[in-house]
C-alpha atoms as a PDB file:
ATOM      1  CA  MET A   1     -12.201 -24.931  13.317  1.00  0.00           C
ATOM      2  CA  SER A   2     -10.823 -26.127   9.996  1.00  0.00           C
ATOM      3  CA  ALA A   3      -7.140 -26.342   9.103  1.00  0.00           C
ATOM      4  CA  ILE A   4      -7.439 -23.342   6.767  1.00  0.00           C
ATOM      5  CA  GLN A   5      -8.964 -21.258   9.555  1.00  0.00           C
ATOM      6  CA  ARG A   6      -6.176 -22.282  11.941  1.00  0.00           C
ATOM      7  CA  ILE A   7      -3.497 -21.326   9.398  1.00  0.00           C
ATOM      8  CA  ALA A   8      -5.317 -18.036   8.752  1.00  0.00           C
ATOM      9  CA  LEU A   9      -5.464 -17.371  12.485  1.00  0.00           C
ATOM     10  CA  ILE A  10      -1.720 -17.997  12.848  1.00  0.00           C
ATOM     11  CA  LEU A  11      -0.967 -15.653   9.937  1.00  0.00           C
ATOM     12  CA  THR A  12      -3.259 -13.012  11.429  1.00  0.00           C
ATOM     13  CA  ILE A  13      -1.455 -13.267  14.761  1.00  0.00           C
ATOM     14  CA  ILE A  14       1.898 -12.904  12.979  1.00  0.00           C
ATOM     15  CA  GLY A  15       0.535  -9.816  11.217  1.00  0.00           C
ATOM     16  CA  ALA A  16      -0.732  -8.371  14.490  1.00  0.00           C
ATOM     17  CA  ILE A  17       2.657  -8.890  16.141  1.00  0.00           C
ATOM     18  CA  ASN A  18       4.373  -7.238  13.175  1.00  0.00           C
ATOM     19  CA  TRP A  19       2.004  -4.252  13.360  1.00  0.00           C
ATOM     20  CA  GLY A  20       2.635  -3.993  17.094  1.00  0.00           C
ATOM     21  CA  LEU A  21       6.377  -3.899  16.477  1.00  0.00           C
ATOM     22  CA  ILE A  22       5.887  -1.221  13.821  1.00  0.00           C
ATOM     23  CA  GLY A  23       3.640   0.836  16.107  1.00  0.00           C
ATOM     24  CA  PHE A  24       5.748   0.639  19.242  1.00  0.00           C
ATOM     25  CA  PHE A  25       9.302   0.385  17.917  1.00  0.00           C
ATOM     26  CA  GLN A  26       9.133   1.406  14.222  1.00  0.00           C
ATOM     27  CA  PHE A  27      10.565  -2.030  13.397  1.00  0.00           C
ATOM     28  CA  ASP A  28       9.118  -4.093  10.533  1.00  0.00           C
ATOM     29  CA  LEU A  29      10.070  -7.695  11.309  1.00  0.00           C
ATOM     30  CA  VAL A  30       8.740  -9.094   8.015  1.00  0.00           C
ATOM     31  CA  ALA A  31      10.715  -6.564   5.987  1.00  0.00           C
ATOM     32  CA  THR A  32      13.838  -7.245   8.042  1.00  0.00           C
ATOM     33  CA  ILE A  33      13.623 -11.011   7.594  1.00  0.00           C
ATOM     34  CA  PHE A  34      12.673 -11.027   3.916  1.00  0.00           C
ATOM     35  CA  GLY A  35      14.787  -8.171   2.522  1.00  0.00           C
ATOM     36  CA  GLY A  36      12.758  -4.972   2.749  1.00  0.00           C
ATOM     37  CA  GLN A  37       9.172  -3.954   2.140  1.00  0.00           C
ATOM     38  CA  ASP A  38       9.585  -3.977  -1.646  1.00  0.00           C
ATOM     39  CA  SER A  39      11.002  -7.505  -1.925  1.00  0.00           C
ATOM     40  CA  ALA A  40       8.816 -10.156  -3.501  1.00  0.00           C
ATOM     41  CA  LEU A  41       8.871 -12.375  -0.396  1.00  0.00           C
ATOM     42  CA  SER A  42       7.769  -9.538   1.882  1.00  0.00           C
ATOM     43  CA  ARG A  43       4.925  -8.650  -0.456  1.00  0.00           C
ATOM     44  CA  ILE A  44       3.826 -12.297  -0.532  1.00  0.00           C
ATOM     45  CA  ILE A  45       3.813 -12.430   3.283  1.00  0.00           C
ATOM     46  CA  TYR A  46       1.877  -9.160   3.503  1.00  0.00           C
ATOM     47  CA  GLY A  47      -0.621 -10.497   0.958  1.00  0.00           C
ATOM     48  CA  LEU A  48      -1.056 -13.803   2.806  1.00  0.00           C
ATOM     49  CA  VAL A  49      -1.640 -11.958   6.085  1.00  0.00           C
ATOM     50  CA  GLY A  50      -4.268  -9.791   4.377  1.00  0.00           C
ATOM     51  CA  ILE A  51      -6.051 -12.832   2.927  1.00  0.00           C
ATOM     52  CA  ALA A  52      -5.863 -14.512   6.349  1.00  0.00           C
ATOM     53  CA  GLY A  53      -7.569 -11.492   7.888  1.00  0.00           C
ATOM     54  CA  LEU A  54     -10.402 -11.778   5.365  1.00  0.00           C
ATOM     55  CA  ILE A  55     -10.785 -15.493   6.119  1.00  0.00           C
ATOM     56  CA  ASN A  56     -10.897 -14.755   9.843  1.00  0.00           C
ATOM     57  CA  LEU A  57     -13.608 -12.187   9.257  1.00  0.00           C
ATOM     58  CA  GLY A  58     -15.992 -15.127   8.960  1.00  0.00           C
ATOM     59  CA  LEU A  59     -15.169 -16.162  12.530  1.00  0.00           C
ATOM     60  CA  LEU A  60     -16.881 -13.004  13.780  1.00  0.00           C
ATOM     61  CA  PHE A  61     -20.211 -14.238  12.486  1.00  0.00           C
ATOM     62  CA  LYS A  62     -19.820 -17.927  13.318  1.00  0.00           C
ATOM     63  CA  PRO A  63     -21.992 -18.955  16.268  1.00  0.00           C
ATOM     64  CA  ASN A  64     -20.172 -20.146  19.344  1.00  0.00           C
ATOM     65  CA  GLU A  65     -21.030 -23.783  20.023  1.00  0.00           C
ATOM     66  CA  GLU A  66     -20.736 -23.288  23.778  1.00  0.00           C
ATOM     67  CA  THR A  67     -23.391 -20.581  23.971  1.00  0.00           C
ATOM     68  CA  VAL A  68     -25.784 -21.761  21.290  1.00  0.00           C
ATOM     69  CA  ARG A  69     -27.823 -24.592  22.787  1.00  0.00           C
ATOM     70  CA  GLU A  70     -31.162 -26.098  22.053  1.00  0.00           C
ATOM     71  CA  PRO A  71     -33.829 -25.055  24.535  1.00  0.00           C
ATOM     72  CA  GLN A  72     -34.523 -27.712  27.118  1.00  0.00           C
ATOM     73  CA  ALA A  73     -38.091 -28.646  27.933  1.00  0.00           C
ATOM     74  CA  ASN A  74     -39.111 -27.755  31.475  1.00  0.00           C
ATOM     75  CA  PRO A  75     -40.611 -30.795  33.175  1.00  0.00           C
ATOM     76  CA  THR A  76     -43.948 -30.120  34.798  1.00  0.00           C
ATOM     77  CA  ARG A  77     -44.397 -31.229  38.365  1.00  0.00           C
END
């Protein structure tokens, strides 16, 4: 996993936590920290989380190295 994918994953997790807080408690942590939903900083964070989600979309289609293996030849006895 590249550094950009790791950063995107962290931002996506932050976004998921924020959405969970909104869903369960009607509390927007990003807006609270950065001065409301309409502030420039909040909009930047929301935008970065959205871009991170698009970057992580590629992880859905990336083959898992643990499960994708070359077929082994069966020795004949």
